[in-house]
Amino acid sequence: QVQLVEPGGGLVQAGGSLRLSCASSGRLFGTFAVGWFRQAPGKEREFVAAINYDSTSSRYSDSIEGRSTISRDAADNPVFLQMSSLKPEATGVYYCAAMDGRSWVAGTSQHEYNYWGQGTQVTVSS
């Protein structure tokens, strides 16, 4: 059983920065690709960023590209999403997801992921 936890959400002012973490108790977390998805109030969940298992590939949504970095240090360590210059439209619940299938791919579709965290609230005030 793979369980994902996502500490790091909170309230931040527009223009500020926030770092989200995604960690797992599983020993094979370093072999999974990891993605972040966001669900804004009244909207469907959408892709934010992803990284493959060995950090050789990463993808970003147009809304955060250039202002955010997804990273992982080593096998089984947390995956981080560092977001900067945040805008109010970044507000939502952020979900960490992991896949153990095509883990060499930084997948952008939520249907590729088979493990999900509970989500963490991020609120960007204007």
Protein backbone atom coordinates (compact mmCIF):
# COMPACT_ATOMS: atom_id res chain seq x y z
CA GLN A 1 0.00 0.00 0.00
CA VAL A 2 1.45 3.34 -1.07
CA GLN A 3 0.38 6.33 0.99
CA LEU A 4 1.26 9.87 -0.03
CA VAL A 5 1.38 12.85 2.31
CA GLU A 6 1.58 16.47 1.23
CA PRO A 7 2.77 18.94 3.88
CA GLY A 8 3.46 22.49 2.85
CA GLY A 9 0.22 24.17 1.87
CA GLY A 10 -1.03 27.39 3.39
CA LEU A 11 -1.86 31.03 2.86
CA VAL A 12 0.47 33.27 0.91
CA GLN A 13 0.18 36.74 -0.56
CA ALA A 14 0.24 37.31 -4.30
CA GLY A 15 3.82 37.47 -5.51
CA GLY A 16 5.01 35.22 -2.71
CA SER A 17 6.50 31.73 -2.75
CA LEU A 18 5.52 28.37 -1.37
CA ARG A 19 7.12 24.93 -1.33
CA LEU A 20 4.99 21.81 -1.38
CA SER A 21 6.30 18.38 -0.45
CA CYS A 22 5.14 14.92 -1.42
CA ALA A 23 6.41 12.03 0.67
CA SER A 24 5.63 8.35 0.90
CA SER A 25 6.17 5.70 3.51
CA GLY A 26 6.84 3.18 0.77
CA ARG A 27 10.42 2.06 0.11
CA LEU A 28 9.89 2.14 -3.67
CA PHE A 29 8.86 5.80 -3.89
CA GLY A 30 12.09 6.59 -5.73
CA THR A 31 11.01 4.33 -8.58
CA PHE A 32 7.74 6.21 -9.17
CA ALA A 33 7.01 9.18 -11.39
CA VAL A 34 5.32 11.94 -9.38
CA GLY A 35 2.92 14.63 -10.45
CA TRP A 36 1.12 17.57 -8.91
CA PHE A 37 -2.44 18.48 -9.80
CA ARG A 38 -4.62 21.38 -8.67
CA GLN A 39 -8.35 21.68 -8.20
CA ALA A 40 -9.64 25.22 -7.94
CA PRO A 41 -13.08 25.92 -6.44
CA GLY A 42 -15.79 24.93 -8.89
CA LYS A 43 -13.32 23.61 -11.46
CA GLU A 44 -11.98 20.25 -12.52
CA ARG A 45 -8.63 19.00 -11.34
CA GLU A 46 -5.82 20.05 -13.68
CA PHE A 47 -2.17 19.24 -14.23
CA VAL A 48 0.47 21.45 -12.58
CA ALA A 49 3.88 19.71 -12.77
CA ALA A 50 5.46 16.26 -12.99
CA ILE A 51 8.85 14.59 -12.73
CA ASN A 52 9.91 11.13 -13.77
CA TYR A 53 11.57 8.61 -11.47
CA ASP A 54 15.21 9.64 -12.11
CA SER A 55 14.68 13.40 -12.60
CA THR A 56 15.72 13.30 -16.25
CA SER A 57 12.35 14.61 -17.37
CA SER A 58 9.96 17.20 -15.96
CA ARG A 59 6.87 18.93 -17.28
CA TYR A 60 4.97 22.06 -16.25
CA SER A 61 1.63 23.58 -17.02
CA ASP A 62 1.70 26.85 -18.95
CA SER A 63 0.30 28.63 -15.89
CA ILE A 64 3.39 28.02 -13.74
CA GLU A 65 6.20 27.35 -16.22
CA GLY A 66 9.16 29.61 -15.57
CA ARG A 67 8.01 30.34 -12.05
CA SER A 68 8.11 26.90 -10.47
CA THR A 69 10.45 23.95 -10.08
CA ILE A 70 9.68 20.33 -9.34
CA SER A 71 12.57 18.32 -7.92
CA ARG A 72 13.59 15.22 -6.02
CA ASP A 73 16.94 14.66 -4.29
CA ALA A 74 17.35 10.91 -4.20
CA ALA A 75 15.50 7.64 -4.12
CA ASP A 76 12.67 7.50 -1.59
CA ASN A 77 13.10 11.17 -0.59
CA PRO A 78 10.25 13.66 -0.92
CA VAL A 79 9.39 15.37 -4.18
CA PHE A 80 9.23 19.15 -3.91
CA LEU A 81 7.27 21.73 -5.86
CA GLN A 82 8.73 25.20 -5.37
CA MET A 83 6.31 27.86 -6.61
CA SER A 84 7.25 31.52 -6.93
CA SER A 85 5.53 34.73 -8.01
CA LEU A 86 2.22 33.18 -7.07
CA LYS A 87 -1.02 34.62 -8.42
CA PRO A 88 -4.50 34.42 -6.86
CA GLU A 89 -5.58 32.03 -9.62
CA ALA A 90 -3.15 29.47 -8.21
CA THR A 91 -5.52 29.00 -5.27
CA GLY A 92 -6.87 25.49 -4.88
CA VAL A 93 -6.30 22.07 -3.41
CA TYR A 94 -3.02 20.59 -4.59
CA TYR A 95 -2.79 16.83 -4.94
CA CYS A 96 0.34 14.76 -5.17
CA ALA A 97 0.11 11.65 -7.32
CA ALA A 98 2.48 8.79 -8.11
CA MET A 99 2.63 6.14 -10.78
CA ASP A 100 4.60 2.90 -10.84
CA GLY A 101 3.83 2.06 -14.44
CA ARG A 102 5.51 4.22 -17.07
CA SER A 103 7.67 5.91 -14.46
CA TRP A 104 10.25 7.06 -17.03
CA VAL A 105 7.58 9.52 -18.21
CA ALA A 106 6.65 12.76 -16.44
CA GLY A 107 2.96 12.21 -17.10
CA THR A 108 0.57 15.11 -17.47
CA SER A 109 -2.70 13.20 -17.38
CA GLN A 110 -4.22 12.30 -14.04
CA HIS A 111 -5.39 9.01 -15.54
CA GLU A 112 -1.76 7.84 -15.68
CA TYR A 113 -1.41 7.97 -11.90
CA ASN A 114 -2.53 5.19 -9.59
CA TYR A 115 -1.70 6.63 -6.15
CA TRP A 116 -3.04 9.91 -4.74
CA GLY A 117 -2.56 11.99 -1.63
CA GLN A 118 -5.34 13.65 0.34
CA GLY A 119 -4.52 17.10 -0.98
CA THR A 120 -3.29 20.30 0.65
CA GLN A 121 -4.95 23.71 0.46
CA VAL A 122 -3.04 26.58 -1.10
CA THR A 123 -4.61 30.04 -0.90
CA VAL A 124 -3.05 33.03 -2.63
CA SER A 125 -4.50 36.31 -1.44
CA SER A 126 -4.58 39.40 -3.63
